[in-house]
Protein backbone atom coordinates (compact mmCIF):
# COMPACT_ATOMS: atom_id res chain seq x y z
CA MET A 1 25.42 17.47 -4.03
CA ASN A 2 23.14 20.51 -4.24
CA SER A 3 23.05 22.13 -0.83
CA VAL A 4 19.96 24.25 -1.53
CA ASN A 5 16.50 22.83 -0.97
CA THR A 6 14.42 22.86 -4.12
CA ASP A 7 11.27 24.97 -3.84
CA THR A 8 7.90 23.25 -3.92
CA ALA A 9 6.96 24.65 -7.33
CA GLU A 10 10.07 23.20 -8.99
CA LEU A 11 9.54 19.84 -7.31
CA GLU A 12 5.95 19.68 -8.48
CA LEU A 13 7.05 20.59 -12.00
CA PHE A 14 9.49 17.68 -12.04
CA ARG A 15 6.90 15.40 -10.45
CA ASP A 16 4.35 16.20 -13.14
CA MET A 17 6.94 15.76 -15.91
CA THR A 18 8.06 12.43 -14.46
CA ARG A 19 4.53 11.06 -14.12
CA ARG A 20 3.60 12.08 -17.66
CA ALA A 21 6.76 10.55 -19.09
CA LEU A 22 6.27 7.29 -17.21
CA LYS A 23 2.60 7.01 -18.22
CA GLN A 24 3.54 7.54 -21.86
CA GLU A 25 6.79 5.60 -22.13
CA VAL A 26 6.50 2.89 -19.46
CA THR A 27 2.89 2.13 -18.52
CA PRO A 28 1.83 0.62 -21.88
CA TYR A 29 4.84 -1.72 -21.98
CA PHE A 30 5.78 -2.56 -18.41
CA GLU A 31 3.85 -5.82 -18.15
CA ALA A 32 5.66 -7.10 -21.25
CA TRP A 33 9.01 -6.12 -19.75
CA GLU A 34 8.17 -7.94 -16.53
CA ALA A 35 7.25 -11.04 -18.51
CA ALA A 36 10.47 -10.84 -20.53
CA GLY A 37 12.58 -10.38 -17.39
CA ILE A 38 14.36 -7.35 -18.82
CA MET A 39 13.66 -3.86 -20.11
CA PRO A 40 14.56 -2.99 -23.69
CA ARG A 41 17.86 -1.14 -24.10
CA GLU A 42 15.94 1.69 -25.77
CA ILE A 43 14.25 2.72 -22.51
CA TRP A 44 17.54 4.18 -21.32
CA TYR A 45 17.70 6.46 -24.36
CA THR A 46 14.06 7.42 -23.77
CA LEU A 47 14.70 8.31 -20.13
CA GLY A 48 17.77 10.26 -21.18
CA GLN A 49 15.85 12.23 -23.79
CA ALA A 50 13.18 12.98 -21.16
CA GLY A 51 15.89 14.45 -18.92
CA MET A 52 15.30 11.90 -16.16
CA LEU A 53 18.76 10.30 -15.88
CA CYS A 54 21.36 11.66 -13.45
CA VAL A 55 19.35 14.87 -13.06
CA ASP A 56 21.48 16.19 -10.19
CA LEU A 57 24.80 16.02 -12.01
CA PRO A 58 26.32 19.42 -12.88
CA GLU A 59 25.28 21.03 -16.16
CA GLN A 60 28.84 20.74 -17.52
CA TYR A 61 28.17 17.02 -17.98
CA CYS A 62 24.99 17.72 -19.99
CA ALA A 63 22.70 17.12 -17.00
CA ALA A 64 19.94 19.33 -15.57
CA GLY A 65 21.97 20.43 -12.56
CA ALA A 66 18.90 19.83 -10.41
CA SER A 67 18.91 19.13 -6.68
CA PHE A 68 19.30 15.81 -4.91
CA GLU A 69 15.63 16.07 -3.95
CA VAL A 70 14.64 16.00 -7.61
CA SER A 71 16.76 12.91 -8.21
CA GLN A 72 14.96 11.14 -5.36
CA LEU A 73 11.59 12.35 -6.59
CA VAL A 74 12.12 10.74 -10.02
CA LEU A 75 13.13 7.49 -8.33
CA GLY A 76 10.19 7.68 -5.96
CA GLU A 77 7.58 8.21 -8.66
CA MET A 78 8.79 5.07 -10.43
CA ALA A 79 8.32 3.14 -7.18
CA ARG A 80 4.93 4.71 -6.42
CA MET A 81 3.58 3.68 -9.83
CA GLY A 82 4.58 0.08 -9.14
CA TYR A 83 7.63 -0.05 -11.39
CA GLY A 84 9.97 -1.50 -8.77
CA GLY A 85 12.30 -3.11 -11.30
CA LEU A 86 12.71 0.11 -13.24
CA ALA A 87 13.25 2.04 -9.99
CA SER A 88 16.07 -0.24 -8.85
CA SER A 89 17.82 -0.15 -12.23
CA PHE A 90 17.46 3.63 -12.33
CA ASN A 91 18.73 3.96 -8.77
CA ILE A 92 21.91 2.02 -9.51
CA HIS A 93 22.59 4.03 -12.66
CA SER A 94 21.70 7.55 -11.57
CA ASN A 95 22.02 7.59 -7.80
CA ILE A 96 24.94 5.25 -7.21
CA VAL A 97 27.27 4.80 -10.20
CA ALA A 98 27.17 8.42 -11.40
CA PRO A 99 27.91 9.92 -7.96
CA TYR A 100 30.89 7.60 -7.48
CA ILE A 101 32.40 8.96 -10.69
CA LEU A 102 31.46 12.56 -9.86
CA HIS A 103 32.96 12.43 -6.38
CA GLN A 104 36.01 10.21 -6.93
CA GLY A 105 36.78 10.41 -10.63
CA THR A 106 39.33 12.52 -12.47
CA GLU A 107 38.02 15.17 -14.83
CA ALA A 108 38.98 12.94 -17.75
CA GLN A 109 36.96 10.06 -16.28
CA LYS A 110 33.97 12.33 -15.72
CA GLN A 111 34.09 13.61 -19.28
CA GLN A 112 34.47 10.08 -20.61
CA TRP A 113 31.46 8.55 -18.81
CA LEU A 114 29.04 11.05 -17.30
CA PRO A 115 27.55 12.70 -20.44
CA GLY A 116 26.77 9.23 -21.80
CA MET A 117 25.09 8.26 -18.55
CA VAL A 118 22.94 11.38 -18.76
CA SER A 119 21.87 10.63 -22.35
CA GLY A 120 21.37 6.89 -21.81
CA ASP A 121 24.14 5.96 -24.23
CA VAL A 122 26.00 4.44 -21.26
CA VAL A 123 24.24 2.18 -18.74
CA GLY A 124 25.98 1.90 -15.39
CA ALA A 125 26.30 -0.90 -12.83
CA ILE A 126 28.33 -1.51 -9.69
CA ALA A 127 29.81 -4.89 -8.81
CA MET A 128 30.52 -5.61 -5.17
CA THR A 129 28.87 -8.92 -4.22
CA GLU A 130 30.63 -12.19 -5.00
CA PRO A 131 29.51 -15.82 -4.78
CA GLY A 132 30.11 -16.93 -1.22
CA THR A 133 30.99 -13.53 0.27
CA GLY A 134 27.67 -11.69 0.50
CA SER A 135 28.12 -8.53 2.56
CA ASP A 136 31.69 -9.41 3.63
CA LEU A 137 33.67 -7.04 1.43
CA ALA A 138 36.88 -7.85 3.29
CA ALA A 139 36.71 -11.37 1.81
CA LEU A 140 36.70 -10.28 -1.85
CA ARG A 141 38.39 -12.75 -4.18
CA THR A 142 38.23 -10.65 -7.34
CA SER A 143 41.74 -9.26 -7.76
CA ALA A 144 43.46 -6.55 -9.73
CA VAL A 145 47.23 -6.84 -10.19
CA ARG A 146 49.38 -4.06 -11.61
CA ASP A 147 51.34 -5.04 -14.74
CA GLY A 148 53.31 -2.11 -16.10
CA ASP A 149 50.87 0.54 -17.27
CA GLU A 150 47.89 -1.80 -16.91
CA TRP A 151 45.84 -3.63 -14.31
CA VAL A 152 44.90 -7.28 -14.80
CA LEU A 153 41.47 -8.08 -13.38
CA ASN A 154 40.33 -11.61 -12.49
CA GLY A 155 37.28 -12.91 -10.65
CA SER A 156 33.51 -12.83 -10.72
CA LYS A 157 30.56 -10.94 -9.25
CA ILE A 158 26.96 -11.99 -8.67
CA PHE A 159 23.53 -10.31 -8.29
CA ILE A 160 24.61 -7.31 -10.36
CA THR A 161 21.70 -5.01 -11.23
CA ASN A 162 21.89 -3.81 -14.87
CA GLY A 163 24.49 -6.52 -15.40
CA LEU A 164 23.12 -7.66 -18.76
CA GLN A 165 22.98 -4.19 -20.30
CA ALA A 166 25.76 -2.30 -18.55
CA ASP A 167 28.33 -0.51 -20.68
CA LEU A 168 30.27 0.55 -17.58
CA VAL A 169 30.73 -1.39 -14.35
CA ILE A 170 32.41 -0.07 -11.21
CA VAL A 171 34.19 -3.17 -9.94
CA CYS A 172 35.44 -3.65 -6.37
CA ALA A 173 38.64 -5.66 -6.40
CA SER A 174 41.41 -6.58 -4.00
CA THR A 175 44.69 -4.84 -4.80
CA ASP A 176 46.39 -5.77 -1.51
CA PRO A 177 45.12 -9.16 -0.26
CA SER A 178 47.10 -8.88 2.98
CA ALA A 179 45.25 -5.71 3.99
CA GLY A 180 41.68 -7.05 3.95
CA SER A 181 39.12 -4.26 3.53
CA LYS A 182 41.95 -1.71 3.52
CA GLY A 183 43.31 -3.30 0.34
CA ILE A 184 40.25 -2.77 -1.89
CA SER A 185 40.27 -0.54 -4.97
CA LEU A 186 37.57 0.52 -7.42
CA PHE A 187 37.89 0.24 -11.20
CA LEU A 188 35.90 1.65 -14.11
CA VAL A 189 35.43 -1.35 -16.40
CA ASP A 190 34.38 -0.85 -20.01
CA THR A 191 32.31 -3.95 -20.76
CA SER A 192 33.45 -4.02 -24.39
CA LEU A 193 36.97 -4.99 -23.33
CA PRO A 194 38.29 -8.53 -24.00
CA GLY A 195 38.09 -10.70 -20.89
CA PHE A 196 34.71 -9.39 -19.76
CA SER A 197 31.70 -11.72 -19.97
CA ARG A 198 28.23 -12.07 -18.49
CA GLY A 199 26.22 -15.05 -17.33
CA LYS A 200 22.58 -15.41 -18.23
CA GLY A 201 20.05 -13.29 -16.39
CA ILE A 202 19.20 -14.43 -12.87
CA SER A 203 15.51 -15.28 -12.41
CA LYS A 204 14.05 -13.55 -9.34
CA ILE A 205 10.73 -13.63 -7.48
CA GLY A 206 10.26 -9.89 -7.98
CA GLN A 207 11.56 -6.83 -9.83
CA HIS A 208 11.60 -8.98 -12.96
CA SER A 209 12.20 -6.14 -15.43
CA SER A 210 15.40 -5.16 -13.61
CA ASP A 211 18.03 -7.42 -15.15
CA THR A 212 20.37 -9.11 -12.69
CA ALA A 213 23.42 -11.08 -13.78
CA GLU A 214 26.69 -12.71 -12.84
CA LEU A 215 29.79 -11.04 -14.29
CA PHE A 216 33.17 -12.61 -15.08
CA PHE A 217 36.64 -11.10 -15.51
CA ASP A 218 39.25 -13.32 -17.14
CA ASN A 219 42.66 -11.63 -17.37
CA LEU A 220 40.85 -8.45 -18.29
CA ARG A 221 43.47 -5.79 -18.92
CA LEU A 222 42.59 -2.29 -17.82
CA PRO A 223 44.54 0.91 -18.50
CA ALA A 224 46.10 2.53 -15.45
CA ASP A 225 43.59 5.36 -15.62
CA ALA A 226 40.70 2.92 -15.07
CA LEU A 227 41.45 3.13 -11.34
CA LEU A 228 38.71 5.18 -9.66
CA GLY A 229 40.18 7.34 -6.92
CA GLU A 230 43.29 6.15 -5.10
CA GLU A 231 44.61 2.63 -4.85
CA ASN A 232 43.49 0.74 -1.72
CA ARG A 233 40.95 3.45 -0.83
CA GLY A 234 37.94 1.60 -2.24
CA PHE A 235 36.41 0.60 1.10
CA PHE A 236 36.59 4.21 2.27
CA TYR A 237 34.76 5.35 -0.87
CA LEU A 238 32.12 2.67 -0.38
CA MET A 239 31.48 3.91 3.15
CA GLU A 240 31.18 7.46 1.82
CA GLU A 241 28.65 6.56 -0.86
CA LEU A 242 26.58 3.88 0.89
CA PRO A 243 24.47 6.43 2.83
CA ARG A 244 23.15 7.80 -0.47
CA GLU A 245 22.41 4.27 -1.71
CA ARG A 246 20.52 3.46 1.48
CA LEU A 247 18.63 6.73 1.32
CA GLY A 248 17.58 5.70 -2.19
CA CYS A 249 16.24 2.40 -0.80
CA ALA A 250 14.18 4.42 1.68
CA THR A 251 12.87 6.59 -1.15
CA GLN A 252 11.69 3.47 -2.96
CA ALA A 253 10.19 2.06 0.25
CA ILE A 254 8.15 5.13 1.12
CA TYR A 255 6.90 5.93 -2.36
CA ALA A 256 6.10 2.26 -3.09
CA THR A 257 4.10 2.07 0.13
CA ASP A 258 2.23 5.20 -0.97
CA GLY A 259 1.39 3.41 -4.21
CA ALA A 260 0.31 0.18 -2.52
CA LEU A 261 -1.86 2.09 -0.05
CA GLU A 262 -3.53 4.05 -2.86
CA LEU A 263 -4.44 0.81 -4.64
CA THR A 264 -5.75 -0.72 -1.43
CA LEU A 265 -7.87 2.27 -0.44
CA ASP A 266 -9.52 2.21 -3.84
CA TYR A 267 -10.12 -1.54 -3.70
CA VAL A 268 -11.65 -1.69 -0.20
CA GLN A 269 -14.08 1.08 -1.08
CA GLN A 270 -15.19 -0.65 -4.30
CA ARG A 271 -15.16 -4.31 -3.22
CA ARG A 272 -18.22 -5.51 -1.30
CA ALA A 273 -18.72 -8.48 1.02
CA PHE A 274 -21.65 -9.39 3.25
CA GLY A 275 -23.63 -6.50 1.79
CA GLN A 276 -21.15 -3.74 2.52
CA ALA A 277 -17.85 -2.29 1.32
CA ILE A 278 -14.79 -4.05 2.75
CA GLY A 279 -13.58 -0.65 3.91
CA SER A 280 -16.47 -0.42 6.38
CA PHE A 281 -15.23 -3.39 8.43
CA GLN A 282 -13.36 -2.46 11.59
CA ASN A 283 -10.50 -4.84 10.85
CA THR A 284 -9.92 -3.19 7.47
CA ARG A 285 -9.96 0.28 8.97
CA PHE A 286 -7.59 -0.72 11.76
CA LYS A 287 -5.13 -2.37 9.33
CA LEU A 288 -5.14 0.67 7.07
CA ALA A 289 -4.59 2.93 10.09
CA GLU A 290 -1.61 0.83 11.15
CA VAL A 291 -0.06 0.99 7.68
CA LYS A 292 -0.60 4.76 7.47
CA THR A 293 0.91 5.33 10.92
CA GLN A 294 4.09 3.38 10.21
CA LEU A 295 4.40 5.00 6.79
CA GLU A 296 4.16 8.53 8.17
CA LEU A 297 6.64 7.83 10.97
CA CYS A 298 9.14 6.57 8.38
CA ARG A 299 8.42 9.53 6.12
CA ALA A 300 9.19 11.97 8.93
CA TYR A 301 12.57 10.35 9.62
CA TYR A 302 13.22 10.12 5.89
CA ARG A 303 12.72 13.87 5.50
CA GLN A 304 15.02 14.50 8.46
CA CYS A 305 17.71 12.32 6.85
CA MET A 306 17.21 14.02 3.48
CA ASP A 307 17.94 17.39 5.09
CA LYS A 308 21.01 15.96 6.80
CA TYR A 309 22.29 14.36 3.60
CA ILE A 310 21.92 17.63 1.70
CA ALA A 311 23.82 19.39 4.50
CA ALA A 312 26.46 16.60 4.40
CA THR A 313 25.81 15.72 8.06
CA MET A 314 23.99 12.37 7.75
CA THR A 315 25.94 9.60 9.47
CA VAL A 316 26.42 5.97 8.48
CA GLU A 317 24.38 4.99 11.55
CA GLU A 318 21.48 7.25 10.55
CA ALA A 319 21.51 5.80 7.04
CA ALA A 320 21.32 2.31 8.55
CA LEU A 321 18.44 3.33 10.83
CA LEU A 322 16.60 4.76 7.85
CA LYS A 323 17.10 1.78 5.58
CA LEU A 324 16.18 -0.74 8.29
CA SER A 325 13.01 1.03 9.38
CA SER A 326 11.72 2.02 5.94
CA THR A 327 12.32 -1.25 4.10
CA GLU A 328 10.95 -3.41 6.91
CA MET A 329 7.93 -1.11 7.01
CA GLN A 330 7.52 -1.49 3.24
CA CYS A 331 7.46 -5.29 3.43
CA GLN A 332 4.98 -5.30 6.31
CA ALA A 333 2.73 -2.73 4.64
CA ALA A 334 2.72 -4.60 1.33
CA ASP A 335 1.77 -7.77 3.18
CA GLN A 336 -1.09 -6.07 5.02
CA CYS A 337 -2.36 -4.39 1.86
CA LEU A 338 -2.27 -7.63 -0.13
CA GLN A 339 -4.21 -9.39 2.66
CA LEU A 340 -7.07 -6.93 2.22
CA PHE A 341 -7.40 -7.98 -1.42
CA GLY A 342 -8.08 -11.57 -0.33
CA GLY A 343 -7.56 -14.16 -3.05
CA TYR A 344 -7.32 -11.48 -5.72
CA GLY A 345 -4.17 -10.17 -4.07
CA TYR A 346 -2.45 -13.44 -4.81
CA THR A 347 -3.03 -13.13 -8.53
CA THR A 348 -0.72 -11.31 -10.91
CA GLU A 349 -3.79 -9.68 -12.44
CA TYR A 350 -3.87 -7.26 -9.52
CA PRO A 351 -0.85 -4.89 -9.26
CA ILE A 352 -0.76 -5.21 -5.46
CA SER A 353 0.94 -8.58 -5.96
CA ARG A 354 3.86 -6.87 -7.70
CA PHE A 355 4.21 -4.35 -4.87
CA TYR A 356 4.46 -7.36 -2.54
CA VAL A 357 7.13 -9.34 -4.39
CA ASP A 358 9.11 -6.25 -5.42
CA ALA A 359 9.38 -5.14 -1.80
CA ARG A 360 11.08 -8.26 -0.49
CA VAL A 361 14.58 -7.60 -1.85
CA GLN A 362 14.67 -4.15 -0.26
CA THR A 363 15.67 -5.68 3.08
CA ILE A 364 18.49 -7.60 1.36
CA TYR A 365 20.38 -5.43 -1.13
CA ALA A 366 22.48 -2.40 -0.16
CA GLY A 367 23.14 -4.20 3.13
CA THR A 368 20.73 -6.67 4.72
CA SER A 369 18.54 -5.74 7.68
CA GLU A 370 20.86 -7.82 9.84
CA ILE A 371 23.87 -5.78 8.71
CA MET A 372 21.90 -2.56 9.38
CA LYS A 373 21.19 -3.74 12.94
CA GLU A 374 24.87 -4.47 13.45
CA MET A 375 25.82 -0.98 12.24
CA ILE A 376 23.27 0.57 14.58
CA ALA A 377 24.33 -1.51 17.59
CA ARG A 378 28.09 -0.97 17.30
CA PRO A 379 28.19 2.69 18.33
CA MET A 380 25.61 1.96 21.03
CA LEU A 381 28.01 -0.53 22.60
CA GLY A 382 31.19 1.39 21.84
CA ARG A 383 32.55 -1.16 19.38
């Protein structure tokens, strides 16, 4: 990661570029993508051409070599503009899959996959969750067995973001069933290989344009060099990378709440009832004050965690605290904002409804709120 904070001028330059690109390439089409339940494959090429994918990868992999802050800014602007599905797909690709390869991959693996992820020629996904296991990674049933110079992969994964379009999937598999979580390995799976298949897209209540699918591996033979990192070290790598994933969830939460609040402030000043603007009622003003207060408290902790992540000092516990507080805040804020729209808030005609439904999954993926509480409580109780 880039250890130097990006100056304000550079951040604002990237912010302006991102907003202009999104307004031109996403805004006119996003409603159609939401209705279709998937984004067109071409959007990845468009984002790549705009220099928005994997921006903080080193320049040697054809990326911008920007800071981690810039990467989060691009993600955040997508969320602020109400493109929650795009933000989640982008986050998986740029802020999760690419860093795994950068940090754990061999130079050959990096050269094979990262330039394509920067250009949009390769769409990335990560496959951890399985039917029936949820957050219990120690209970993985997907297995990889060594056979000479190859690995044979069998099993299935569910709720995989970018699953329908992914060209590359990082798959968590058991390579030593007797060792539980200490027997997990990660594999770089080329989705063009025989034995790989996808189920139909999973219909969700929100983030419709972010495709989500079930993936299947049927005696899928992988070359030995498809192993990412060391054998049986997968759980360790997951623990290393999860703080960044959870920080990304917080980025989405805070920027999306900014966007929802902007919409609501505009609406309550324009909408009139009983002869006056809704924004003049004390209840409206108090609700808005509550949302703003919780948002700014989360933003302050978010910035503290950003600094710690850049300095490589953010702990797993701090990442859990951040994800729990920010995503729960996002859901509560979206609910309060929608309430101020009255009946109009319950219609898809008003974008506030999308902020509401898109927020809900934030307390579920990347570790549920319940798992976050467990991770926070353990060190408090010494176990």
